[in-house]
Each structure stands twice: as structure tokens, then as C-alpha cells.
């Protein structure tokens, strides 16, 4: 972050003067370097906010996708359980043989 600010400062004509701890400003194309820096930072902040919003939206979509996948897995498991229970009930209708079949499954 600091490096990018330094690059922006040098590209718009604001030079750091280490000897007196201050800075000297030069004008580039008639625009005050500091004003351009602040404008650039504001634009950069808006861009970062939009980028963050897109990342959050993407994360939300991934989260929803994972939830849907989990729900589909649970639904398939419930369908399998239902099929098994239907088969078990039908086996019980076959009298003693069906009962023995269910007892074997239970043990």
C-alpha cells in the first residue's frame, strides 16, 4: 500500500525532500499534485469498495452453492431412506419371510 502511494506521488509530481522532512510540490498539467493524489485516492477507494462488493457477492454465491449441494446430498439420502423403508414395509407384507428379512437387516 505504501509503495503504491509512493509511486502515485512520484507520477503526479510530488517529491519528498528528506533533508527537511517535508515535501515540495510541482504542478503537472496545471493540476496541484496533492489534489490529484487525493482525487486518485478517493477514486481508488471507490474502486476498492466495488472490488470488495464483488468479492463479497462472489463469496455469497459460493456459500449458497455449497448450501445447495449439501441440501441435494441430504435429499438424495432421504430418497434412499424412503426407498429402503418402502421395501421393508413391502417385505413385512410377505409374512414370516419378510419379517425374517427385516430382522436380518436389523442385526
C-alpha atoms as a PDB file:
ATOM      1  CA  UNK A   1       0.000   0.000   0.000  1.00  0.00           C
ATOM      2  CA  UNK A   2       2.792   2.409   0.937  1.00  0.00           C
ATOM      3  CA  UNK A   3       4.679   1.530  -2.223  1.00  0.00           C
ATOM      4  CA  UNK A   4       1.649   2.280  -4.407  1.00  0.00           C
ATOM      5  CA  UNK A   5       1.194   5.672  -2.701  1.00  0.00           C
ATOM      6  CA  UNK A   6       4.862   6.433  -3.285  1.00  0.00           C
ATOM      7  CA  UNK A   7       4.512   5.517  -6.956  1.00  0.00           C
ATOM      8  CA  UNK A   8       1.437   7.754  -7.264  1.00  0.00           C
ATOM      9  CA  UNK A   9       3.288  10.613  -5.575  1.00  0.00           C
ATOM     10  CA  UNK A  10       6.194  10.343  -7.976  1.00  0.00           C
ATOM     11  CA  UNK A  11       3.949  10.062 -11.031  1.00  0.00           C
ATOM     12  CA  UNK A  12       1.996  13.238 -10.208  1.00  0.00           C
ATOM     13  CA  UNK A  13       4.996  15.359  -9.352  1.00  0.00           C
ATOM     14  CA  UNK A  14       5.111  15.478  -5.554  1.00  0.00           C
ATOM     15  CA  UNK A  15       8.691  14.949  -4.404  1.00  0.00           C
ATOM     16  CA  UNK A  16       9.653  14.047  -0.867  1.00  0.00           C
ATOM     17  CA  UNK A  17      12.509  16.159   0.464  1.00  0.00           C
ATOM     18  CA  UNK A  18      14.193  14.053   3.137  1.00  0.00           C
ATOM     19  CA  UNK A  19      16.563  16.834   4.201  1.00  0.00           C
ATOM     20  CA  UNK A  20      13.856  18.941   5.835  1.00  0.00           C
ATOM     21  CA  UNK A  21      11.238  16.216   6.385  1.00  0.00           C
ATOM     22  CA  UNK A  22       8.754  17.959   4.120  1.00  0.00           C
ATOM     23  CA  UNK A  23       7.836  17.805   0.511  1.00  0.00           C
ATOM     24  CA  UNK A  24       7.937  20.079  -2.435  1.00  0.00           C
ATOM     25  CA  UNK A  25       5.077  20.251  -4.867  1.00  0.00           C
ATOM     26  CA  UNK A  26       5.310  20.727  -8.582  1.00  0.00           C
ATOM     27  CA  UNK A  27       2.392  21.240 -10.876  1.00  0.00           C
ATOM     28  CA  UNK A  28       1.670  18.725 -13.587  1.00  0.00           C
ATOM     29  CA  UNK A  29      -0.570  19.891 -16.407  1.00  0.00           C
ATOM     30  CA  UNK A  30      -1.820  22.753 -14.243  1.00  0.00           C
ATOM     31  CA  UNK A  31      -3.154  20.444 -11.530  1.00  0.00           C
ATOM     32  CA  UNK A  32      -1.904  20.589  -7.964  1.00  0.00           C
ATOM     33  CA  UNK A  33      -0.226  17.272  -7.228  1.00  0.00           C
ATOM     34  CA  UNK A  34      -1.806  16.860  -3.814  1.00  0.00           C
ATOM     35  CA  UNK A  35      -5.305  17.499  -5.143  1.00  0.00           C
ATOM     36  CA  UNK A  36      -4.715  14.895  -7.813  1.00  0.00           C
ATOM     37  CA  UNK A  37      -3.405  12.480  -5.186  1.00  0.00           C
ATOM     38  CA  UNK A  38      -6.484  12.940  -3.011  1.00  0.00           C
ATOM     39  CA  UNK A  39      -8.745  12.535  -6.030  1.00  0.00           C
ATOM     40  CA  UNK A  40      -6.820   9.433  -7.029  1.00  0.00           C
ATOM     41  CA  UNK A  41      -7.119   8.039  -3.503  1.00  0.00           C
ATOM     42  CA  UNK A  42     -10.880   8.716  -3.489  1.00  0.00           C
ATOM     43  CA  UNK A  43     -11.283   7.001  -6.856  1.00  0.00           C
ATOM     44  CA  UNK A  44      -9.092   4.189  -5.622  1.00  0.00           C
ATOM     45  CA  UNK A  45     -11.249   3.868  -2.501  1.00  0.00           C
ATOM     46  CA  UNK A  46     -14.397   3.643  -4.615  1.00  0.00           C
ATOM     47  CA  UNK A  47     -12.726   1.060  -6.839  1.00  0.00           C
ATOM     48  CA  UNK A  48     -11.644  -0.931  -3.797  1.00  0.00           C
ATOM     49  CA  UNK A  49     -15.192  -0.751  -2.398  1.00  0.00           C
ATOM     50  CA  UNK A  50     -16.609  -2.038  -5.685  1.00  0.00           C
ATOM     51  CA  UNK A  51     -13.961  -4.764  -5.723  1.00  0.00           C
ATOM     52  CA  UNK A  52     -14.854  -5.715  -2.144  1.00  0.00           C
ATOM     53  CA  UNK A  53     -18.555  -5.782  -3.041  1.00  0.00           C
ATOM     54  CA  UNK A  54     -17.832  -8.080  -5.993  1.00  0.00           C
ATOM     55  CA  UNK A  55     -15.696 -10.344  -3.803  1.00  0.00           C
ATOM     56  CA  UNK A  56     -18.431 -10.446  -1.153  1.00  0.00           C
ATOM     57  CA  UNK A  57     -21.038 -11.232  -3.811  1.00  0.00           C
ATOM     58  CA  UNK A  58     -18.824 -13.983  -5.147  1.00  0.00           C
ATOM     59  CA  UNK A  59     -18.330 -15.394  -1.652  1.00  0.00           C
ATOM     60  CA  UNK A  60     -22.089 -15.223  -1.067  1.00  0.00           C
ATOM     61  CA  UNK A  61     -22.713 -17.124  -4.305  1.00  0.00           C
ATOM     62  CA  UNK A  62     -20.136 -19.756  -3.373  1.00  0.00           C
ATOM     63  CA  UNK A  63     -21.720 -20.096   0.058  1.00  0.00           C
ATOM     64  CA  UNK A  64     -25.187 -20.502  -1.467  1.00  0.00           C
ATOM     65  CA  UNK A  65     -23.842 -23.017  -3.981  1.00  0.00           C
ATOM     66  CA  UNK A  66     -22.310 -25.060  -1.155  1.00  0.00           C
ATOM     67  CA  UNK A  67     -25.592 -24.983   0.762  1.00  0.00           C
ATOM     68  CA  UNK A  68     -27.499 -26.176  -2.314  1.00  0.00           C
ATOM     69  CA  UNK A  69     -25.003 -29.003  -2.811  1.00  0.00           C
ATOM     70  CA  UNK A  70     -25.399 -30.037   0.832  1.00  0.00           C
ATOM     71  CA  UNK A  71     -29.190 -29.930   0.541  1.00  0.00           C
ATOM     72  CA  UNK A  72     -29.065 -32.053  -2.619  1.00  0.00           C
ATOM     73  CA  UNK A  73     -26.914 -34.634  -0.822  1.00  0.00           C
ATOM     74  CA  UNK A  74     -29.353 -34.718   2.089  1.00  0.00           C
ATOM     75  CA  UNK A  75     -32.302 -35.023  -0.310  1.00  0.00           C
ATOM     76  CA  UNK A  76     -30.666 -37.984  -2.059  1.00  0.00           C
ATOM     77  CA  UNK A  77     -30.026 -39.629   1.322  1.00  0.00           C
ATOM     78  CA  UNK A  78     -33.676 -39.108   2.290  1.00  0.00           C
ATOM     79  CA  UNK A  79     -34.832 -40.608  -1.019  1.00  0.00           C
ATOM     80  CA  UNK A  80     -32.654 -43.651  -0.380  1.00  0.00           C
ATOM     81  CA  UNK A  81     -34.044 -43.994   3.141  1.00  0.00           C
ATOM     82  CA  UNK A  82     -37.592 -43.727   1.799  1.00  0.00           C
ATOM     83  CA  UNK A  83     -36.933 -46.417  -0.806  1.00  0.00           C
ATOM     84  CA  UNK A  84     -35.467 -48.685   1.866  1.00  0.00           C
ATOM     85  CA  UNK A  85     -38.450 -48.154   4.166  1.00  0.00           C
ATOM     86  CA  UNK A  86     -40.891 -48.865   1.332  1.00  0.00           C
ATOM     87  CA  UNK A  87     -39.014 -52.061   0.561  1.00  0.00           C
ATOM     88  CA  UNK A  88     -39.032 -53.019   4.252  1.00  0.00           C
ATOM     89  CA  UNK A  89     -42.794 -52.426   4.552  1.00  0.00           C
ATOM     90  CA  UNK A  90     -43.426 -54.465   1.409  1.00  0.00           C
ATOM     91  CA  UNK A  91     -41.253 -57.253   2.815  1.00  0.00           C
ATOM     92  CA  UNK A  92     -43.288 -57.266   6.029  1.00  0.00           C
ATOM     93  CA  UNK A  93     -46.394 -57.855   3.948  1.00  0.00           C
ATOM     94  CA  UNK A  94     -44.878 -61.179   2.851  1.00  0.00           C
ATOM     95  CA  UNK A  95     -45.456 -62.719   6.262  1.00  0.00           C
ATOM     96  CA  UNK A  96     -42.776 -64.630   8.157  1.00  0.00           C
ATOM     97  CA  UNK A  97     -40.249 -64.498   5.326  1.00  0.00           C
ATOM     98  CA  UNK A  98     -40.439 -60.692   5.179  1.00  0.00           C
ATOM     99  CA  UNK A  99     -40.169 -60.458   8.958  1.00  0.00           C
ATOM    100  CA  UNK A 100     -37.010 -62.617   8.944  1.00  0.00           C
ATOM    101  CA  UNK A 101     -35.567 -60.417   6.200  1.00  0.00           C
ATOM    102  CA  UNK A 102     -36.139 -57.278   8.293  1.00  0.00           C
ATOM    103  CA  UNK A 103     -34.692 -58.953  11.395  1.00  0.00           C
ATOM    104  CA  UNK A 104     -31.543 -59.859   9.430  1.00  0.00           C
ATOM    105  CA  UNK A 105     -31.143 -56.250   8.358  1.00  0.00           C
ATOM    106  CA  UNK A 106     -31.626 -55.027  11.930  1.00  0.00           C
ATOM    107  CA  UNK A 107     -28.859 -57.265  13.288  1.00  0.00           C
END
